[in-house]
Amino acid sequence: MATLSLRMRDDLKQKAQQLAKEQGVSLNGFINATVAATVAQQETLKFFGDRLRDVDQDTLHKRVLKFMRQTRSGEEPSLEEIERAMR
């Protein structure tokens, strides 16, 4: 595991410490989780950007709208319902 020396504005450090305290984690844990989430977000954006680069945007929009019309609000399905739907 790497050890870093980090320069941070005092006000940002105070806000990060407060958020860490609210989440019940150390400042180190908060910073690790935040960096991990940011890295995952960037990797996800790159993945979908690569996959959708050559897709016609109008076609994609229509497919998303069609999917959204098929979804229903309400209770989440049970594990059994999900397994039944996958058969």
C-alpha atoms as a PDB file:
ATOM      1  CA  MET A   1       0.000   0.000   0.000  1.00  0.00           C
ATOM      2  CA  ALA A   2       1.351   3.443  -0.897  1.00  0.00           C
ATOM      3  CA  THR A   3       1.804   6.309   1.522  1.00  0.00           C
ATOM      4  CA  LEU A   4       1.128   9.808   0.195  1.00  0.00           C
ATOM      5  CA  SER A   5       1.866  13.275   1.433  1.00  0.00           C
ATOM      6  CA  LEU A   6      -1.013  15.481   0.326  1.00  0.00           C
ATOM      7  CA  ARG A   7      -1.423  19.246   0.261  1.00  0.00           C
ATOM      8  CA  MET A   8      -5.017  20.348   0.761  1.00  0.00           C
ATOM      9  CA  ARG A   9      -6.691  23.672   1.475  1.00  0.00           C
ATOM     10  CA  ASP A  10      -7.576  24.002   5.153  1.00  0.00           C
ATOM     11  CA  ASP A  11     -11.279  24.561   4.450  1.00  0.00           C
ATOM     12  CA  LEU A  12     -11.449  21.485   2.213  1.00  0.00           C
ATOM     13  CA  LYS A  13      -9.740  19.374   4.865  1.00  0.00           C
ATOM     14  CA  GLN A  14     -12.240  20.556   7.477  1.00  0.00           C
ATOM     15  CA  LYS A  15     -15.176  19.679   5.209  1.00  0.00           C
ATOM     16  CA  ALA A  16     -13.682  16.266   4.430  1.00  0.00           C
ATOM     17  CA  GLN A  17     -13.115  15.610   8.143  1.00  0.00           C
ATOM     18  CA  GLN A  18     -16.734  16.533   8.871  1.00  0.00           C
ATOM     19  CA  LEU A  19     -18.049  14.232   6.149  1.00  0.00           C
ATOM     20  CA  ALA A  20     -15.802  11.415   7.357  1.00  0.00           C
ATOM     21  CA  LYS A  21     -17.076  11.896  10.896  1.00  0.00           C
ATOM     22  CA  GLU A  22     -20.702  11.834   9.693  1.00  0.00           C
ATOM     23  CA  GLN A  23     -19.984   8.576   7.861  1.00  0.00           C
ATOM     24  CA  GLY A  24     -18.197   7.086  10.843  1.00  0.00           C
ATOM     25  CA  VAL A  25     -14.873   6.626   9.079  1.00  0.00           C
ATOM     26  CA  SER A  26     -11.395   8.091   9.404  1.00  0.00           C
ATOM     27  CA  LEU A  27     -10.256  10.897   7.141  1.00  0.00           C
ATOM     28  CA  ASN A  28      -7.923   8.388   5.481  1.00  0.00           C
ATOM     29  CA  GLY A  29     -10.832   5.988   4.888  1.00  0.00           C
ATOM     30  CA  PHE A  30     -12.994   8.798   3.530  1.00  0.00           C
ATOM     31  CA  ILE A  31     -10.295   9.953   1.102  1.00  0.00           C
ATOM     32  CA  ASN A  32      -9.633   6.357  -0.041  1.00  0.00           C
ATOM     33  CA  ALA A  33     -13.342   5.722  -0.644  1.00  0.00           C
ATOM     34  CA  THR A  34     -13.777   9.030  -2.457  1.00  0.00           C
ATOM     35  CA  VAL A  35     -10.792   8.439  -4.734  1.00  0.00           C
ATOM     36  CA  ALA A  36     -11.957   4.859  -5.428  1.00  0.00           C
ATOM     37  CA  ALA A  37     -15.446   6.125  -6.334  1.00  0.00           C
ATOM     38  CA  THR A  38     -14.009   8.785  -8.633  1.00  0.00           C
ATOM     39  CA  VAL A  39     -11.743   6.267 -10.379  1.00  0.00           C
ATOM     40  CA  ALA A  40     -14.679   3.856 -10.840  1.00  0.00           C
ATOM     41  CA  GLN A  41     -16.824   6.675 -12.219  1.00  0.00           C
ATOM     42  CA  GLN A  42     -14.168   7.670 -14.752  1.00  0.00           C
ATOM     43  CA  GLU A  43     -13.610   4.049 -15.806  1.00  0.00           C
ATOM     44  CA  THR A  44     -17.369   3.581 -16.246  1.00  0.00           C
ATOM     45  CA  LEU A  45     -17.667   6.744 -18.342  1.00  0.00           C
ATOM     46  CA  LYS A  46     -14.776   5.605 -20.527  1.00  0.00           C
ATOM     47  CA  PHE A  47     -16.265   2.114 -20.902  1.00  0.00           C
ATOM     48  CA  PHE A  48     -19.653   3.412 -22.015  1.00  0.00           C
ATOM     49  CA  GLY A  49     -18.064   6.148 -24.116  1.00  0.00           C
ATOM     50  CA  ASP A  50     -16.066   3.510 -25.987  1.00  0.00           C
ATOM     51  CA  ARG A  51     -19.101   1.240 -26.391  1.00  0.00           C
ATOM     52  CA  LEU A  52     -21.425   4.018 -27.554  1.00  0.00           C
ATOM     53  CA  ARG A  53     -18.980   5.992 -29.707  1.00  0.00           C
ATOM     54  CA  ASP A  54     -20.303   4.642 -33.008  1.00  0.00           C
ATOM     55  CA  VAL A  55     -23.957   4.288 -31.971  1.00  0.00           C
ATOM     56  CA  ASP A  56     -26.464   6.596 -33.618  1.00  0.00           C
ATOM     57  CA  GLN A  57     -27.648   8.963 -30.871  1.00  0.00           C
ATOM     58  CA  ASP A  58     -31.263   9.110 -32.116  1.00  0.00           C
ATOM     59  CA  THR A  59     -31.481   5.316 -32.151  1.00  0.00           C
ATOM     60  CA  LEU A  60     -29.971   5.120 -28.681  1.00  0.00           C
ATOM     61  CA  HIS A  61     -32.406   7.738 -27.380  1.00  0.00           C
ATOM     62  CA  LYS A  62     -35.378   5.813 -28.802  1.00  0.00           C
ATOM     63  CA  ARG A  63     -34.139   2.567 -27.229  1.00  0.00           C
ATOM     64  CA  VAL A  64     -33.723   4.216 -23.825  1.00  0.00           C
ATOM     65  CA  LEU A  65     -37.206   5.763 -24.009  1.00  0.00           C
ATOM     66  CA  LYS A  66     -38.692   2.398 -25.023  1.00  0.00           C
ATOM     67  CA  PHE A  67     -36.985   0.757 -22.048  1.00  0.00           C
ATOM     68  CA  MET A  68     -38.194   3.472 -19.681  1.00  0.00           C
ATOM     69  CA  ARG A  69     -41.799   3.042 -20.861  1.00  0.00           C
ATOM     70  CA  GLN A  70     -41.572  -0.665 -20.042  1.00  0.00           C
ATOM     71  CA  THR A  71     -40.432  -0.120 -16.483  1.00  0.00           C
ATOM     72  CA  ARG A  72     -42.930   0.134 -13.663  1.00  0.00           C
ATOM     73  CA  SER A  73     -42.641   1.873 -10.359  1.00  0.00           C
ATOM     74  CA  GLY A  74     -43.380  -0.043  -7.217  1.00  0.00           C
ATOM     75  CA  GLU A  75     -41.828  -2.755  -5.106  1.00  0.00           C
ATOM     76  CA  GLU A  76     -38.494  -4.198  -6.114  1.00  0.00           C
ATOM     77  CA  PRO A  77     -38.805  -7.747  -7.466  1.00  0.00           C
ATOM     78  CA  SER A  78     -37.880 -10.612  -5.206  1.00  0.00           C
ATOM     79  CA  LEU A  79     -34.930 -12.866  -5.990  1.00  0.00           C
ATOM     80  CA  GLU A  80     -37.387 -15.572  -7.052  1.00  0.00           C
ATOM     81  CA  GLU A  81     -39.127 -13.190  -9.469  1.00  0.00           C
ATOM     82  CA  ILE A  82     -35.803 -12.195 -11.000  1.00  0.00           C
ATOM     83  CA  GLU A  83     -34.742 -15.831 -11.403  1.00  0.00           C
ATOM     84  CA  ARG A  84     -38.125 -16.713 -12.931  1.00  0.00           C
ATOM     85  CA  ALA A  85     -37.822 -13.844 -15.437  1.00  0.00           C
ATOM     86  CA  MET A  86     -34.356 -15.009 -16.473  1.00  0.00           C
ATOM     87  CA  ARG A  87     -35.555 -18.500 -17.463  1.00  0.00           C
END
